[in-house]
């Protein structure tokens, strides 16, 4: 298997992002059938770290930050065939490094991934509040 290369200098296309979302479990919770919305998501995030196995995109983190106080890690997706290799942990680490080590890194976990984040050093925080996306 190829070694994994992490890049912060490549902006991926909506098609590439949708593809890796579908190959991860995150595709079930993202608007993968709405290319325009995916394009906006990519255009307005200010940190994007990608993981590559050769020419294949196998992981991505997408975040919004002020580079001073907080960083919201909106998307963390790793191709299911490449999970359990430390790729997600490295994507989180690189995202936090780029945002600034003095920032708080904030993430809303998918229910199936709740047990993962404490394993990579993230603290569970129960006092989060959310206005959910209207679906109608």
Protein backbone atom coordinates (compact mmCIF):
# COMPACT_ATOMS: atom_id res chain seq x y z
CA UNK A 1 0.00 0.00 0.00
CA UNK A 2 1.20 3.54 -0.75
CA UNK A 3 2.20 5.80 2.08
CA UNK A 4 -0.23 8.59 2.88
CA UNK A 5 0.70 12.14 1.89
CA UNK A 6 -1.01 15.07 3.64
CA UNK A 7 -1.54 18.32 1.74
CA UNK A 8 -2.83 21.70 2.82
CA UNK A 9 -2.06 23.45 -0.47
CA UNK A 10 -4.52 21.62 -2.72
CA UNK A 11 -8.11 22.79 -3.03
CA UNK A 12 -10.20 19.82 -4.08
CA UNK A 13 -13.18 19.99 -6.40
CA UNK A 14 -16.76 19.36 -5.38
CA UNK A 15 -16.65 16.09 -7.33
CA UNK A 16 -13.57 14.90 -5.41
CA UNK A 17 -15.09 15.92 -2.09
CA UNK A 18 -18.39 14.16 -2.84
CA UNK A 19 -16.49 11.04 -3.88
CA UNK A 20 -14.53 10.80 -0.62
CA UNK A 21 -17.64 11.65 1.41
CA UNK A 22 -19.45 8.73 -0.22
CA UNK A 23 -16.50 6.40 0.45
CA UNK A 24 -16.62 7.42 4.12
CA UNK A 25 -19.61 7.28 6.43
CA UNK A 26 -19.93 11.08 6.30
CA UNK A 27 -21.68 10.99 2.91
CA UNK A 28 -24.85 9.91 4.72
CA UNK A 29 -24.95 13.25 6.57
CA UNK A 30 -23.82 15.69 3.89
CA UNK A 31 -25.72 17.10 0.87
CA UNK A 32 -23.84 14.95 -1.67
CA UNK A 33 -26.64 15.31 -4.23
CA UNK A 34 -26.41 19.12 -4.18
CA UNK A 35 -23.20 20.06 -6.02
CA UNK A 36 -23.84 23.79 -5.66
CA UNK A 37 -24.08 23.49 -1.90
CA UNK A 38 -20.93 21.36 -1.75
CA UNK A 39 -19.12 23.99 -3.84
CA UNK A 40 -20.14 26.68 -1.32
CA UNK A 41 -18.97 24.49 1.56
CA UNK A 42 -15.55 24.17 -0.06
CA UNK A 43 -15.31 27.82 -1.07
CA UNK A 44 -16.04 29.20 2.38
CA UNK A 45 -14.04 26.88 4.61
CA UNK A 46 -10.67 28.42 5.36
CA UNK A 47 -8.71 25.27 6.23
CA UNK A 48 -8.66 22.15 4.13
CA UNK A 49 -6.26 19.28 4.72
CA UNK A 50 -6.29 16.31 2.38
CA UNK A 51 -4.82 12.82 2.62
CA UNK A 52 -3.67 11.04 -0.53
CA UNK A 53 -2.67 7.47 -1.35
CA UNK A 54 -0.93 8.04 -4.65
CA UNK A 55 -3.47 9.95 -6.77
CA UNK A 56 -6.45 8.75 -4.72
CA UNK A 57 -7.99 11.18 -2.23
CA UNK A 58 -8.56 9.07 0.89
CA UNK A 59 -9.30 11.70 3.51
CA UNK A 60 -10.19 15.33 4.06
CA UNK A 61 -10.74 17.72 6.91
CA UNK A 62 -12.53 21.00 6.30
CA UNK A 63 -12.65 23.70 8.95
CA UNK A 64 -13.62 27.29 9.68
CA UNK A 65 -11.41 29.33 11.98
CA UNK A 66 -10.42 32.81 13.12
CA UNK A 67 -6.81 31.58 13.58
CA UNK A 68 -6.81 33.05 17.09
CA UNK A 69 -9.46 31.62 19.41
CA UNK A 70 -11.54 28.85 17.86
CA UNK A 71 -11.66 26.42 14.97
CA UNK A 72 -14.76 24.49 13.97
CA UNK A 73 -13.83 21.21 12.29
CA UNK A 74 -16.89 20.82 10.11
CA UNK A 75 -15.97 17.74 8.09
CA UNK A 76 -13.63 14.85 8.82
CA UNK A 77 -13.95 12.09 6.24
CA UNK A 78 -11.72 9.07 5.68
CA UNK A 79 -12.39 6.45 3.02
CA UNK A 80 -13.65 3.35 4.87
CA UNK A 81 -11.01 1.21 3.13
CA UNK A 82 -8.29 3.42 4.72
CA UNK A 83 -9.69 3.78 8.23
CA UNK A 84 -7.81 2.53 11.33
CA UNK A 85 -4.46 3.74 9.97
CA UNK A 86 -4.23 7.03 11.88
CA UNK A 87 -5.36 9.16 8.93
CA UNK A 88 -8.22 10.84 10.79
CA UNK A 89 -5.99 11.60 13.78
CA UNK A 90 -3.36 13.15 11.51
CA UNK A 91 -5.98 15.22 9.65
CA UNK A 92 -7.27 16.57 12.99
CA UNK A 93 -3.73 17.31 14.16
CA UNK A 94 -2.80 19.14 10.94
CA UNK A 95 -6.05 21.11 11.00
CA UNK A 96 -5.36 22.24 14.56
CA UNK A 97 -1.76 23.12 13.70
CA UNK A 98 -2.91 25.28 10.79
CA UNK A 99 -5.60 27.00 12.88
CA UNK A 100 -3.07 27.76 15.59
CA UNK A 101 -2.24 25.74 18.66
CA UNK A 102 -3.89 28.43 20.84
CA UNK A 103 -7.27 27.79 19.22
CA UNK A 104 -9.91 25.52 20.67
CA UNK A 105 -10.80 22.84 18.13
CA UNK A 106 -14.55 22.20 18.09
CA UNK A 107 -16.28 19.29 16.38
CA UNK A 108 -19.81 17.88 16.37
CA UNK A 109 -19.51 14.11 16.17
CA UNK A 110 -21.66 11.80 14.15
CA UNK A 111 -23.35 9.33 16.53
CA UNK A 112 -21.34 6.40 15.16
CA UNK A 113 -18.03 8.22 15.76
CA UNK A 114 -18.55 9.40 19.35
CA UNK A 115 -16.17 6.79 20.76
CA UNK A 116 -13.42 7.68 18.26
CA UNK A 117 -12.65 11.25 19.31
CA UNK A 118 -11.59 10.57 22.93
CA UNK A 119 -9.14 7.98 21.53
CA UNK A 120 -7.31 10.74 19.65
CA UNK A 121 -7.16 13.09 22.62
CA UNK A 122 -10.35 15.12 22.24
CA UNK A 123 -12.43 15.87 25.32
CA UNK A 124 -16.17 15.29 25.24
CA UNK A 125 -18.11 18.47 25.94
CA UNK A 126 -21.79 18.13 26.76
CA UNK A 127 -22.88 21.78 26.72
CA UNK A 128 -23.26 22.21 22.98
CA UNK A 129 -26.33 23.76 21.42
CA UNK A 130 -27.53 23.39 17.85
CA UNK A 131 -30.19 24.74 15.52
CA UNK A 132 -30.64 21.90 13.04
CA UNK A 133 -30.93 22.35 9.31
CA UNK A 134 -34.52 22.64 8.13
CA UNK A 135 -35.25 19.76 5.78
CA UNK A 136 -38.50 21.03 4.26
